[in-house]
PDB file of N, CA and C in Angstrom:
ATOM      1  N   MET A   1      17.459 121.825  11.865  1.00  0.00           N
ATOM      2  CA  MET A   1      18.263 120.851  11.158  1.00  0.00           C
ATOM      3  C   MET A   1      19.627 121.482  11.047  1.00  0.00           C
ATOM      4  N   TYR A   2      20.589 120.508  11.351  1.00  0.00           N
ATOM      5  CA  TYR A   2      21.995 121.005  11.284  1.00  0.00           C
ATOM      6  C   TYR A   2      22.281 120.898   9.661  1.00  0.00           C
ATOM      7  N   PHE A   3      23.408 121.835   9.229  1.00  0.00           N
ATOM      8  CA  PHE A   3      23.781 121.672   8.021  1.00  0.00           C
ATOM      9  C   PHE A   3      24.327 120.312   7.587  1.00  0.00           C
ATOM     10  N   THR A   4      25.188 119.534   8.579  1.00  0.00           N
ATOM     11  CA  THR A   4      25.487 118.115   8.402  1.00  0.00           C
ATOM     12  C   THR A   4      24.394 117.442   8.133  1.00  0.00           C
ATOM     13  N   ASP A   5      23.162 117.479   8.880  1.00  0.00           N
ATOM     14  CA  ASP A   5      22.142 116.510   8.676  1.00  0.00           C
ATOM     15  C   ASP A   5      21.728 116.294   7.096  1.00  0.00           C
ATOM     16  N   ARG A   6      21.793 117.317   6.496  1.00  0.00           N
ATOM     17  CA  ARG A   6      21.325 117.357   4.985  1.00  0.00           C
ATOM     18  C   ARG A   6      22.175 116.335   4.301  1.00  0.00           C
ATOM     19  N   GLY A   7      23.562 116.346   4.456  1.00  0.00           N
ATOM     20  CA  GLY A   7      24.408 115.340   4.009  1.00  0.00           C
ATOM     21  C   GLY A   7      23.990 113.936   4.511  1.00  0.00           C
ATOM     22  N   ILE A   8      24.012 113.904   5.611  1.00  0.00           N
ATOM     23  CA  ILE A   8      23.594 112.496   6.031  1.00  0.00           C
ATOM     24  C   ILE A   8      22.316 111.962   5.701  1.00  0.00           C
ATOM     25  N   GLU A   9      21.336 112.803   5.482  1.00  0.00           N
ATOM     26  CA  GLU A   9      20.064 112.307   4.870  1.00  0.00           C
ATOM     27  C   GLU A   9      20.370 111.972   3.446  1.00  0.00           C
ATOM     28  N   GLU A  10      21.079 112.886   2.716  1.00  0.00           N
ATOM     29  CA  GLU A  10      21.356 112.571   1.368  1.00  0.00           C
ATOM     30  C   GLU A  10      22.098 111.294   1.148  1.00  0.00           C
ATOM     31  N   LEU A  11      23.041 110.999   1.908  1.00  0.00           N
ATOM     32  CA  LEU A  11      23.804 109.805   1.985  1.00  0.00           C
ATOM     33  C   LEU A  11      22.926 108.587   2.157  1.00  0.00           C
ATOM     34  N   GLN A  12      22.006 108.795   3.051  1.00  0.00           N
ATOM     35  CA  GLN A  12      21.060 107.659   3.490  1.00  0.00           C
ATOM     36  C   GLN A  12      20.060 107.564   2.261  1.00  0.00           C
ATOM     37  N   ALA A  13      19.616 108.309   1.818  1.00  0.00           N
ATOM     38  CA  ALA A  13      18.659 108.383   0.386  1.00  0.00           C
ATOM     39  C   ALA A  13      19.383 107.873  -0.773  1.00  0.00           C
ATOM     40  N   ARG A  14      20.493 108.286  -0.983  1.00  0.00           N
ATOM     41  CA  ARG A  14      21.157 107.837  -2.187  1.00  0.00           C
ATOM     42  C   ARG A  14      21.785 106.350  -2.153  1.00  0.00           C
ATOM     43  N   ARG A  15      22.347 106.135  -0.921  1.00  0.00           N
ATOM     44  CA  ARG A  15      23.345 104.721  -0.807  1.00  0.00           C
ATOM     45  C   ARG A  15      22.687 104.028   0.264  1.00  0.00           C
ATOM     46  N   GLY A  16      21.406 104.273   1.018  1.00  0.00           N
ATOM     47  CA  GLY A  16      21.293 103.758   2.157  1.00  0.00           C
ATOM     48  C   GLY A  16      20.918 102.151   1.922  1.00  0.00           C
ATOM     49  N   ASP A  17      20.647 101.630   0.841  1.00  0.00           N
ATOM     50  CA  ASP A  17      20.574 100.260   0.405  1.00  0.00           C
ATOM     51  C   ASP A  17      21.592  99.437   0.065  1.00  0.00           C
ATOM     52  N   GLU A  18      22.856 100.123  -0.054  1.00  0.00           N
ATOM     53  CA  GLU A  18      24.238  99.512  -0.284  1.00  0.00           C
ATOM     54  C   GLU A  18      24.806  98.997   0.907  1.00  0.00           C
ATOM     55  N   GLU A  19      25.598  97.676   0.582  1.00  0.00           N
ATOM     56  CA  GLU A  19      26.271  97.276   1.528  1.00  0.00           C
ATOM     57  C   GLU A  19      27.694  97.742   1.229  1.00  0.00           C
ATOM     58  N   VAL A  20      28.465  98.071   2.192  1.00  0.00           N
ATOM     59  CA  VAL A  20      30.129  98.269   2.054  1.00  0.00           C
ATOM     60  C   VAL A  20      30.894  97.654   3.110  1.00  0.00           C
ATOM     61  N   THR A  21      31.831  97.510   2.863  1.00  0.00           N
ATOM     62  CA  THR A  21      33.012  96.998   3.871  1.00  0.00           C
ATOM     63  C   THR A  21      33.599  98.301   4.586  1.00  0.00           C
ATOM     64  N   LEU A  22      34.081  97.913   5.665  1.00  0.00           N
ATOM     65  CA  LEU A  22      34.820  99.084   6.578  1.00  0.00           C
ATOM     66  C   LEU A  22      35.964  99.313   5.841  1.00  0.00           C
ATOM     67  N   ALA A  23      36.614  98.384   5.035  1.00  0.00           N
ATOM     68  CA  ALA A  23      37.953  98.851   4.417  1.00  0.00           C
ATOM     69  C   ALA A  23      37.501  99.780   3.171  1.00  0.00           C
ATOM     70  N   TRP A  24      36.490  99.562   2.613  1.00  0.00           N
ATOM     71  CA  TRP A  24      35.981 100.441   1.316  1.00  0.00           C
ATOM     72  C   TRP A  24      35.784 101.922   2.233  1.00  0.00           C
ATOM     73  N   LEU A  25      34.954 101.999   3.241  1.00  0.00           N
ATOM     74  CA  LEU A  25      34.898 103.281   3.910  1.00  0.00           C
ATOM     75  C   LEU A  25      36.103 103.877   4.305  1.00  0.00           C
ATOM     76  N   ALA A  26      37.184 103.074   4.929  1.00  0.00           N
ATOM     77  CA  ALA A  26      38.496 103.525   4.967  1.00  0.00           C
ATOM     78  C   ALA A  26      39.033 104.296   3.961  1.00  0.00           C
ATOM     79  N   GLU A  27      38.955 103.559   2.741  1.00  0.00           N
ATOM     80  CA  GLU A  27      39.634 104.107   1.646  1.00  0.00           C
ATOM     81  C   GLU A  27      38.935 105.488   1.076  1.00  0.00           C
ATOM     82  N   GLN A  28      37.763 105.480   1.218  1.00  0.00           N
ATOM     83  CA  GLN A  28      36.900 106.603   0.891  1.00  0.00           C
ATOM     84  C   GLN A  28      37.436 107.661   1.925  1.00  0.00           C
ATOM     85  N   LEU A  29      37.673 107.636   2.924  1.00  0.00           N
ATOM     86  CA  LEU A  29      37.778 108.604   4.051  1.00  0.00           C
ATOM     87  C   LEU A  29      39.207 108.926   3.651  1.00  0.00           C
ATOM     88  N   SER A  30      40.212 108.185   3.416  1.00  0.00           N
ATOM     89  CA  SER A  30      41.615 108.486   2.963  1.00  0.00           C
ATOM     90  C   SER A  30      41.395 109.478   1.764  1.00  0.00           C
ATOM     91  N   GLN A  31      40.752 109.074   0.536  1.00  0.00           N
ATOM     92  CA  GLN A  31      40.741 109.801  -0.412  1.00  0.00           C
ATOM     93  C   GLN A  31      40.254 111.319  -0.240  1.00  0.00           C
ATOM     94  N   PHE A  32      39.088 111.222   0.751  1.00  0.00           N
ATOM     95  CA  PHE A  32      38.664 112.771   1.045  1.00  0.00           C
ATOM     96  C   PHE A  32      39.808 113.442   1.655  1.00  0.00           C
ATOM     97  N   VAL A  33      40.294 112.851   2.495  1.00  0.00           N
ATOM     98  CA  VAL A  33      41.456 113.664   3.461  1.00  0.00           C
ATOM     99  C   VAL A  33      42.504 114.054   2.321  1.00  0.00           C
ATOM    100  N   ASP A  34      42.772 113.229   1.504  1.00  0.00           N
ATOM    101  CA  ASP A  34      43.992 113.677   0.445  1.00  0.00           C
ATOM    102  C   ASP A  34      43.330 114.921  -0.486  1.00  0.00           C
ATOM    103  N   LEU A  35      42.234 114.946  -0.578  1.00  0.00           N
ATOM    104  CA  LEU A  35      41.448 115.825  -1.440  1.00  0.00           C
ATOM    105  C   LEU A  35      41.373 117.151  -0.691  1.00  0.00           C
ATOM    106  N   ASN A  36      40.964 117.031   0.789  1.00  0.00           N
ATOM    107  CA  ASN A  36      40.680 117.759   1.581  1.00  0.00           C
ATOM    108  C   ASN A  36      41.466 118.014   2.786  1.00  0.00           C
ATOM    109  N   PRO A  37      42.628 118.234   2.792  1.00  0.00           N
ATOM    110  CA  PRO A  37      43.535 118.016   4.003  1.00  0.00           C
ATOM    111  C   PRO A  37      42.979 118.941   5.325  1.00  0.00           C
ATOM    112  N   GLU A  38      42.157 120.094   5.171  1.00  0.00           N
ATOM    113  CA  GLU A  38      41.734 120.604   6.143  1.00  0.00           C
ATOM    114  C   GLU A  38      40.695 119.952   7.154  1.00  0.00           C
ATOM    115  N   PHE A  39      40.076 118.729   6.388  1.00  0.00           N
ATOM    116  CA  PHE A  39      39.173 118.005   7.223  1.00  0.00           C
ATOM    117  C   PHE A  39      39.991 116.880   7.751  1.00  0.00           C
ATOM    118  N   GLU A  40      41.223 116.724   7.948  1.00  0.00           N
ATOM    119  CA  GLU A  40      41.916 115.582   8.549  1.00  0.00           C
ATOM    120  C   GLU A  40      41.638 115.386   9.895  1.00  0.00           C
ATOM    121  N   VAL A  41      41.471 116.370  10.767  1.00  0.00           N
ATOM    122  CA  VAL A  41      41.353 116.104  11.943  1.00  0.00           C
ATOM    123  C   VAL A  41      39.937 115.511  12.400  1.00  0.00           C
ATOM    124  N   PRO A  42      38.748 116.236  11.915  1.00  0.00           N
ATOM    125  CA  PRO A  42      37.579 115.504  12.082  1.00  0.00           C
ATOM    126  C   PRO A  42      37.298 114.267  11.452  1.00  0.00           C
ATOM    127  N   VAL A  43      37.897 113.910  10.305  1.00  0.00           N
ATOM    128  CA  VAL A  43      37.892 112.710   9.805  1.00  0.00           C
ATOM    129  C   VAL A  43      38.466 111.691  10.719  1.00  0.00           C
ATOM    130  N   GLU A  44      39.642 111.979  11.203  1.00  0.00           N
ATOM    131  CA  GLU A  44      40.363 111.095  11.932  1.00  0.00           C
ATOM    132  C   GLU A  44      39.690 110.643  13.266  1.00  0.00           C
ATOM    133  N   ARG A  45      39.174 111.775  13.743  1.00  0.00           N
ATOM    134  CA  ARG A  45      38.106 111.555  14.921  1.00  0.00           C
ATOM    135  C   ARG A  45      36.876 110.733  14.865  1.00  0.00           C
ATOM    136  N   LEU A  46      36.511 110.744  13.592  1.00  0.00           N
ATOM    137  CA  LEU A  46      35.319 110.026  13.342  1.00  0.00           C
ATOM    138  C   LEU A  46      35.731 108.602  13.216  1.00  0.00           C
ATOM    139  N   ALA A  47      36.713 108.458  12.330  1.00  0.00           N
ATOM    140  CA  ALA A  47      37.240 107.029  12.170  1.00  0.00           C
ATOM    141  C   ALA A  47      37.707 106.406  13.471  1.00  0.00           C
ATOM    142  N   THR A  48      38.261 107.037  14.270  1.00  0.00           N
ATOM    143  CA  THR A  48      38.759 106.604  15.791  1.00  0.00           C
ATOM    144  C   THR A  48      37.524 106.327  16.603  1.00  0.00           C
ATOM    145  N   TRP A  49      36.353 107.071  16.367  1.00  0.00           N
ATOM    146  CA  TRP A  49      35.253 106.969  17.280  1.00  0.00           C
ATOM    147  C   TRP A  49      34.507 105.553  16.730  1.00  0.00           C
ATOM    148  N   LEU A  50      34.604 105.480  15.393  1.00  0.00           N
ATOM    149  CA  LEU A  50      33.781 104.199  14.823  1.00  0.00           C
ATOM    150  C   LEU A  50      34.588 102.959  15.067  1.00  0.00           C
ATOM    151  N   ALA A  51      36.002 103.215  15.154  1.00  0.00           N
ATOM    152  CA  ALA A  51      36.946 102.169  15.513  1.00  0.00           C
ATOM    153  C   ALA A  51      36.733 101.412  16.804  1.00  0.00           C
ATOM    154  N   ARG A  52      36.227 102.462  17.701  1.00  0.00           N
ATOM    155  CA  ARG A  52      36.434 102.054  19.191  1.00  0.00           C
ATOM    156  C   ARG A  52      34.753 102.156  19.730  1.00  0.00           C
ATOM    157  N   LEU A  53      33.939 101.859  18.877  1.00  0.00           N
ATOM    158  CA  LEU A  53      32.559 101.812  19.289  1.00  0.00           C
ATOM    159  C   LEU A  53      32.122 100.707  20.378  1.00  0.00           C
ATOM    160  N   ASP A  54      32.780  99.547  20.321  1.00  0.00           N
ATOM    161  CA  ASP A  54      32.801  98.489  21.220  1.00  0.00           C
ATOM    162  C   ASP A  54      33.644  98.427  22.437  1.00  0.00           C
ATOM    163  N   ASP A  55      34.554  99.435  22.507  1.00  0.00           N
ATOM    164  CA  ASP A  55      35.275  99.572  23.633  1.00  0.00           C
ATOM    165  C   ASP A  55      34.652  99.763  24.921  1.00  0.00           C
ATOM    166  N   GLU A  56      34.792  99.073  25.958  1.00  0.00           N
ATOM    167  CA  GLU A  56      34.232  99.243  27.149  1.00  0.00           C
ATOM    168  C   GLU A  56      34.660 100.454  28.055  1.00  0.00           C
ATOM    169  N   ASP A  57      35.900 100.760  27.680  1.00  0.00           N
ATOM    170  CA  ASP A  57      36.560 101.804  28.401  1.00  0.00           C
ATOM    171  C   ASP A  57      36.033 103.283  27.997  1.00  0.00           C
ATOM    172  N   ASP A  58      35.635 103.451  26.930  1.00  0.00           N
ATOM    173  CA  ASP A  58      34.994 104.716  26.301  1.00  0.00           C
ATOM    174  C   ASP A  58      33.798 105.060  26.837  1.00  0.00           C
TER     175      ASP A  58
END
């Protein structure tokens, strides 16, 4: 198991039944980067990947 898997599993266990908007998620990601600027690049890459999931060119 990768270290990050534990965080993903915790997220699913604690909040898996909740419904959120992408706007809410974007706000949480922005706040996280504000508090943890060293994670800006990976968070931006994740956000871009999520935004482009339906692009046929990728």
